């Protein structure tokens, strides 16, 4: 009789340990999904850096490789086209920018060709018009800095754990506007 009680107690104990571990796993996945939903529903936060440059900030998504393939198929296919071993991927960031230059320039006639040009520190535009055809050339440069950092949880003045992971994107060209950022960390 004692053998059966010990056997039943051992089985109940192992089932209990399994259920506790499963519960912790489900809680962790739920917290990850909550964080992903929050990251997808919040807009890009924009601010000026201490040097006066514009910075855009977003929360980082946390996906498994199968989640990335299912939810962000375009980003997954782009990464795959780079010949990156997907199993070894740690994170990926995609930044979409728009360049807008609205200005009036002086048109000069040189050798029966109308020439208009614009130039600043980052952009060079030149247009040559002859008859019914035009030759346009544009050269633009930009320095984009991407920084990923962890925001810790706080209690009084103690910092512990991970509250949030954010991606900060700074560009140097003031004519370029960051229109979209997607930052994914693979777990």
C-alpha atoms as a PDB file:
ATOM      1  CA  UNK A   1       0.000   0.000   0.000  1.00  0.00           C
ATOM      2  CA  UNK A   2       2.836   2.424   0.864  1.00  0.00           C
ATOM      3  CA  UNK A   3       4.430   1.731  -2.526  1.00  0.00           C
ATOM      4  CA  UNK A   4       1.282   2.908  -4.312  1.00  0.00           C
ATOM      5  CA  UNK A   5       1.023   6.077  -2.216  1.00  0.00           C
ATOM      6  CA  UNK A   6       4.674   6.921  -2.927  1.00  0.00           C
ATOM      7  CA  UNK A   7       4.172   6.173  -6.640  1.00  0.00           C
ATOM      8  CA  UNK A   8       1.015   8.336  -6.818  1.00  0.00           C
ATOM      9  CA  UNK A   9       2.774  11.130  -4.883  1.00  0.00           C
ATOM     10  CA  UNK A  10       5.757  10.987  -7.283  1.00  0.00           C
ATOM     11  CA  UNK A  11       3.447  11.092 -10.317  1.00  0.00           C
ATOM     12  CA  UNK A  12       1.467  14.025  -8.863  1.00  0.00           C
ATOM     13  CA  UNK A  13       4.693  15.844  -8.021  1.00  0.00           C
ATOM     14  CA  UNK A  14       6.097  15.407 -11.549  1.00  0.00           C
ATOM     15  CA  UNK A  15       2.776  16.501 -13.115  1.00  0.00           C
ATOM     16  CA  UNK A  16       2.746  19.528 -10.817  1.00  0.00           C
ATOM     17  CA  UNK A  17       6.333  20.479 -11.759  1.00  0.00           C
ATOM     18  CA  UNK A  18       5.464  20.089 -15.453  1.00  0.00           C
ATOM     19  CA  UNK A  19       2.365  22.289 -15.112  1.00  0.00           C
ATOM     20  CA  UNK A  20       4.276  24.981 -13.211  1.00  0.00           C
ATOM     21  CA  UNK A  21       6.964  25.078 -15.947  1.00  0.00           C
ATOM     22  CA  UNK A  22       4.299  25.176 -18.656  1.00  0.00           C
ATOM     23  CA  UNK A  23       2.520  28.012 -16.840  1.00  0.00           C
ATOM     24  CA  UNK A  24       5.762  30.036 -16.697  1.00  0.00           C
ATOM     25  CA  UNK A  25       6.333  29.455 -20.416  1.00  0.00           C
ATOM     26  CA  UNK A  26       2.812  30.598 -21.273  1.00  0.00           C
ATOM     27  CA  UNK A  27       3.197  33.700 -19.053  1.00  0.00           C
ATOM     28  CA  UNK A  28       6.471  34.559 -20.822  1.00  0.00           C
ATOM     29  CA  UNK A  29       4.869  34.153 -24.263  1.00  0.00           C
ATOM     30  CA  UNK A  30       1.897  36.281 -23.170  1.00  0.00           C
ATOM     31  CA  UNK A  31       4.212  39.072 -21.988  1.00  0.00           C
ATOM     32  CA  UNK A  32       6.080  38.901 -25.304  1.00  0.00           C
ATOM     33  CA  UNK A  33       2.818  39.134 -27.263  1.00  0.00           C
ATOM     34  CA  UNK A  34       1.675  42.092 -25.135  1.00  0.00           C
ATOM     35  CA  UNK A  35       4.974  43.844 -25.829  1.00  0.00           C
ATOM     36  CA  UNK A  36       4.673  43.122 -29.583  1.00  0.00           C
ATOM     37  CA  UNK A  37       1.098  44.455 -29.687  1.00  0.00           C
ATOM     38  CA  UNK A  38       2.224  47.607 -27.892  1.00  0.00           C
ATOM     39  CA  UNK A  39       5.141  48.011 -30.327  1.00  0.00           C
ATOM     40  CA  UNK A  40       2.854  47.592 -33.346  1.00  0.00           C
ATOM     41  CA  UNK A  41       0.180  50.004 -32.084  1.00  0.00           C
ATOM     42  CA  UNK A  42       2.451  52.854 -31.011  1.00  0.00           C
ATOM     43  CA  UNK A  43       3.687  55.387 -33.544  1.00  0.00           C
ATOM     44  CA  UNK A  44       7.229  56.507 -34.148  1.00  0.00           C
ATOM     45  CA  UNK A  45       8.378  58.887 -31.400  1.00  0.00           C
ATOM     46  CA  UNK A  46      10.298  61.844 -32.791  1.00  0.00           C
ATOM     47  CA  UNK A  47      12.562  64.181 -30.845  1.00  0.00           C
ATOM     48  CA  UNK A  48      15.670  66.329 -31.215  1.00  0.00           C
ATOM     49  CA  UNK A  49      19.033  65.072 -29.973  1.00  0.00           C
ATOM     50  CA  UNK A  50      21.304  67.182 -27.789  1.00  0.00           C
ATOM     51  CA  UNK A  51      23.069  68.267 -30.993  1.00  0.00           C
ATOM     52  CA  UNK A  52      19.766  69.392 -32.571  1.00  0.00           C
ATOM     53  CA  UNK A  53      19.486  66.502 -35.029  1.00  0.00           C
ATOM     54  CA  UNK A  54      16.164  64.734 -35.516  1.00  0.00           C
ATOM     55  CA  UNK A  55      15.821  61.250 -34.008  1.00  0.00           C
ATOM     56  CA  UNK A  56      13.067  58.668 -34.435  1.00  0.00           C
ATOM     57  CA  UNK A  57      12.422  55.997 -31.820  1.00  0.00           C
ATOM     58  CA  UNK A  58      10.349  52.770 -31.862  1.00  0.00           C
ATOM     59  CA  UNK A  59       9.812  49.773 -29.592  1.00  0.00           C
ATOM     60  CA  UNK A  60      11.513  46.634 -30.816  1.00  0.00           C
ATOM     61  CA  UNK A  61       9.427  43.621 -31.834  1.00  0.00           C
ATOM     62  CA  UNK A  62      10.341  40.229 -30.382  1.00  0.00           C
ATOM     63  CA  UNK A  63       9.686  37.335 -32.793  1.00  0.00           C
ATOM     64  CA  UNK A  64      10.736  33.768 -33.322  1.00  0.00           C
ATOM     65  CA  UNK A  65      11.908  32.873 -36.819  1.00  0.00           C
ATOM     66  CA  UNK A  66       8.536  31.334 -37.641  1.00  0.00           C
ATOM     67  CA  UNK A  67       6.758  34.499 -36.373  1.00  0.00           C
ATOM     68  CA  UNK A  68       9.031  36.626 -38.570  1.00  0.00           C
ATOM     69  CA  UNK A  69       8.259  34.472 -41.600  1.00  0.00           C
ATOM     70  CA  UNK A  70       4.510  34.618 -40.925  1.00  0.00           C
ATOM     71  CA  UNK A  71       4.051  38.233 -39.769  1.00  0.00           C
ATOM     72  CA  UNK A  72       6.820  40.108 -41.612  1.00  0.00           C
ATOM     73  CA  UNK A  73       7.197  38.098 -44.812  1.00  0.00           C
ATOM     74  CA  UNK A  74       8.646  41.002 -46.832  1.00  0.00           C
ATOM     75  CA  UNK A  75      11.425  41.573 -44.267  1.00  0.00           C
ATOM     76  CA  UNK A  76      11.998  37.801 -44.014  1.00  0.00           C
ATOM     77  CA  UNK A  77      12.379  37.493 -47.815  1.00  0.00           C
ATOM     78  CA  UNK A  78      14.755  40.478 -47.949  1.00  0.00           C
ATOM     79  CA  UNK A  79      16.946  38.943 -45.238  1.00  0.00           C
ATOM     80  CA  UNK A  80      16.872  35.573 -47.007  1.00  0.00           C
ATOM     81  CA  UNK A  81      17.942  37.261 -50.277  1.00  0.00           C
ATOM     82  CA  UNK A  82      21.063  38.530 -48.491  1.00  0.00           C
ATOM     83  CA  UNK A  83      22.221  34.927 -48.075  1.00  0.00           C
ATOM     84  CA  UNK A  84      22.003  35.243 -44.293  1.00  0.00           C
ATOM     85  CA  UNK A  85      21.591  31.995 -42.380  1.00  0.00           C
ATOM     86  CA  UNK A  86      18.172  32.632 -40.845  1.00  0.00           C
ATOM     87  CA  UNK A  87      18.868  30.236 -37.951  1.00  0.00           C
ATOM     88  CA  UNK A  88      21.761  32.472 -36.832  1.00  0.00           C
ATOM     89  CA  UNK A  89      19.895  35.780 -37.203  1.00  0.00           C
ATOM     90  CA  UNK A  90      19.826  37.882 -33.999  1.00  0.00           C
ATOM     91  CA  UNK A  91      17.995  41.034 -35.099  1.00  0.00           C
ATOM     92  CA  UNK A  92      16.976  43.013 -38.164  1.00  0.00           C
ATOM     93  CA  UNK A  93      16.084  46.673 -38.650  1.00  0.00           C
ATOM     94  CA  UNK A  94      14.421  48.253 -41.655  1.00  0.00           C
ATOM     95  CA  UNK A  95      14.340  52.049 -42.094  1.00  0.00           C
ATOM     96  CA  UNK A  96      12.322  53.822 -44.796  1.00  0.00           C
ATOM     97  CA  UNK A  97      13.219  57.436 -45.594  1.00  0.00           C
ATOM     98  CA  UNK A  98      11.828  60.167 -47.834  1.00  0.00           C
ATOM     99  CA  UNK A  99      13.860  62.998 -49.289  1.00  0.00           C
ATOM    100  CA  UNK A 100      11.962  66.229 -49.875  1.00  0.00           C
ATOM    101  CA  UNK A 101      13.609  69.284 -51.384  1.00  0.00           C
ATOM    102  CA  UNK A 102      11.396  72.247 -52.307  1.00  0.00           C
ATOM    103  CA  UNK A 103      13.395  75.216 -53.474  1.00  0.00           C
ATOM    104  CA  UNK A 104      13.618  77.765 -56.247  1.00  0.00           C
ATOM    105  CA  UNK A 105      16.861  77.873 -58.223  1.00  0.00           C
ATOM    106  CA  UNK A 106      18.192  80.172 -60.894  1.00  0.00           C
ATOM    107  CA  UNK A 107      18.192  78.817 -64.461  1.00  0.00           C
ATOM    108  CA  UNK A 108      21.285  79.689 -66.535  1.00  0.00           C
ATOM    109  CA  UNK A 109      21.684  79.320 -70.284  1.00  0.00           C
ATOM    110  CA  UNK A 110      25.026  77.749 -71.260  1.00  0.00           C
ATOM    111  CA  UNK A 111      25.775  76.886 -74.921  1.00  0.00           C
ATOM    112  CA  UNK A 112      22.067  76.726 -75.862  1.00  0.00           C
ATOM    113  CA  UNK A 113      21.371  74.463 -72.852  1.00  0.00           C
ATOM    114  CA  UNK A 114      19.313  75.574 -69.858  1.00  0.00           C
ATOM    115  CA  UNK A 115      20.993  74.488 -66.596  1.00  0.00           C
ATOM    116  CA  UNK A 116      19.483  74.505 -63.116  1.00  0.00           C
ATOM    117  CA  UNK A 117      21.333  73.182 -60.101  1.00  0.00           C
ATOM    118  CA  UNK A 118      20.897  72.875 -56.372  1.00  0.00           C
ATOM    119  CA  UNK A 119      23.531  71.834 -53.868  1.00  0.00           C
ATOM    120  CA  UNK A 120      23.830  71.581 -50.109  1.00  0.00           C
ATOM    121  CA  UNK A 121      25.947  69.559 -47.695  1.00  0.00           C
ATOM    122  CA  UNK A 122      24.155  66.269 -48.466  1.00  0.00           C
ATOM    123  CA  UNK A 123      22.300  66.710 -51.784  1.00  0.00           C
ATOM    124  CA  UNK A 124      23.366  67.668 -55.298  1.00  0.00           C
ATOM    125  CA  UNK A 125      20.757  68.113 -58.043  1.00  0.00           C
ATOM    126  CA  UNK A 126      21.456  69.226 -61.618  1.00  0.00           C
ATOM    127  CA  UNK A 127      19.056  69.585 -64.534  1.00  0.00           C
ATOM    128  CA  UNK A 128      20.098  70.268 -68.132  1.00  0.00           C
ATOM    129  CA  UNK A 129      17.310  71.090 -70.597  1.00  0.00           C
ATOM    130  CA  UNK A 130      17.916  71.126 -74.336  1.00  0.00           C
ATOM    131  CA  UNK A 131      14.963  71.376 -76.692  1.00  0.00           C
ATOM    132  CA  UNK A 132      12.307  68.896 -75.628  1.00  0.00           C
ATOM    133  CA  UNK A 133      14.554  66.661 -73.501  1.00  0.00           C
ATOM    134  CA  UNK A 134      16.031  67.007 -70.021  1.00  0.00           C
ATOM    135  CA  UNK A 135      18.911  65.326 -68.257  1.00  0.00           C
ATOM    136  CA  UNK A 136      18.487  65.101 -64.489  1.00  0.00           C
ATOM    137  CA  UNK A 137      21.055  63.949 -61.971  1.00  0.00           C
ATOM    138  CA  UNK A 138      20.666  63.585 -58.241  1.00  0.00           C
ATOM    139  CA  UNK A 139      23.212  62.578 -55.641  1.00  0.00           C
ATOM    140  CA  UNK A 140      22.233  62.359 -52.001  1.00  0.00           C
ATOM    141  CA  UNK A 141      24.168  61.146 -49.006  1.00  0.00           C
ATOM    142  CA  UNK A 142      23.029  60.526 -45.481  1.00  0.00           C
ATOM    143  CA  UNK A 143      24.592  59.148 -42.340  1.00  0.00           C
ATOM    144  CA  UNK A 144      22.095  56.938 -40.502  1.00  0.00           C
ATOM    145  CA  UNK A 145      22.891  55.827 -36.960  1.00  0.00           C
ATOM    146  CA  UNK A 146      20.861  52.971 -35.440  1.00  0.00           C
ATOM    147  CA  UNK A 147      21.179  52.316 -31.700  1.00  0.00           C
ATOM    148  CA  UNK A 148      19.336  49.544 -29.854  1.00  0.00           C
ATOM    149  CA  UNK A 149      19.161  49.898 -26.083  1.00  0.00           C
ATOM    150  CA  UNK A 150      17.467  48.337 -23.078  1.00  0.00           C
ATOM    151  CA  UNK A 151      15.272  50.346 -20.719  1.00  0.00           C
ATOM    152  CA  UNK A 152      15.372  48.760 -17.236  1.00  0.00           C
ATOM    153  CA  UNK A 153      12.489  48.449 -14.808  1.00  0.00           C
ATOM    154  CA  UNK A 154      12.707  50.877 -11.875  1.00  0.00           C
ATOM    155  CA  UNK A 155      11.659  50.638  -8.262  1.00  0.00           C
ATOM    156  CA  UNK A 156      12.533  53.739  -6.248  1.00  0.00           C
ATOM    157  CA  UNK A 157      16.143  54.229  -7.337  1.00  0.00           C
ATOM    158  CA  UNK A 158      16.852  50.538  -8.057  1.00  0.00           C
ATOM    159  CA  UNK A 159      17.079  49.385 -11.663  1.00  0.00           C
ATOM    160  CA  UNK A 160      16.457  45.756 -12.483  1.00  0.00           C
ATOM    161  CA  UNK A 161      15.267  43.518 -15.324  1.00  0.00           C
ATOM    162  CA  UNK A 162      14.134  44.644 -18.770  1.00  0.00           C
ATOM    163  CA  UNK A 163      11.147  46.933 -19.157  1.00  0.00           C
ATOM    164  CA  UNK A 164      11.544  47.729 -22.823  1.00  0.00           C
ATOM    165  CA  UNK A 165      13.926  47.427 -25.784  1.00  0.00           C
ATOM    166  CA  UNK A 166      13.958  50.486 -28.054  1.00  0.00           C
ATOM    167  CA  UNK A 167      15.579  51.302 -31.370  1.00  0.00           C
ATOM    168  CA  UNK A 168      16.766  54.880 -31.956  1.00  0.00           C
ATOM    169  CA  UNK A 169      17.432  56.019 -35.543  1.00  0.00           C
ATOM    170  CA  UNK A 170      19.242  59.296 -36.278  1.00  0.00           C
ATOM    171  CA  UNK A 171      19.932  60.703 -39.709  1.00  0.00           C
ATOM    172  CA  UNK A 172      22.226  63.626 -40.515  1.00  0.00           C
ATOM    173  CA  UNK A 173      20.543  64.949 -43.674  1.00  0.00           C
ATOM    174  CA  UNK A 174      17.906  67.481 -42.606  1.00  0.00           C
ATOM    175  CA  UNK A 175      16.050  67.083 -45.942  1.00  0.00           C
ATOM    176  CA  UNK A 176      15.461  63.369 -45.235  1.00  0.00           C
ATOM    177  CA  UNK A 177      12.430  62.342 -43.192  1.00  0.00           C
ATOM    178  CA  UNK A 178      12.277  58.906 -41.561  1.00  0.00           C
ATOM    179  CA  UNK A 179       8.849  57.600 -42.509  1.00  0.00           C
ATOM    180  CA  UNK A 180       8.949  54.041 -41.144  1.00  0.00           C
ATOM    181  CA  UNK A 181      11.110  51.896 -38.868  1.00  0.00           C
ATOM    182  CA  UNK A 182      10.739  48.191 -38.226  1.00  0.00           C
ATOM    183  CA  UNK A 183      13.045  46.622 -35.687  1.00  0.00           C
ATOM    184  CA  UNK A 184      12.836  42.907 -34.883  1.00  0.00           C
ATOM    185  CA  UNK A 185      14.818  40.902 -32.322  1.00  0.00           C
ATOM    186  CA  UNK A 186      14.875  37.139 -32.860  1.00  0.00           C
ATOM    187  CA  UNK A 187      14.471  34.959 -29.785  1.00  0.00           C
END
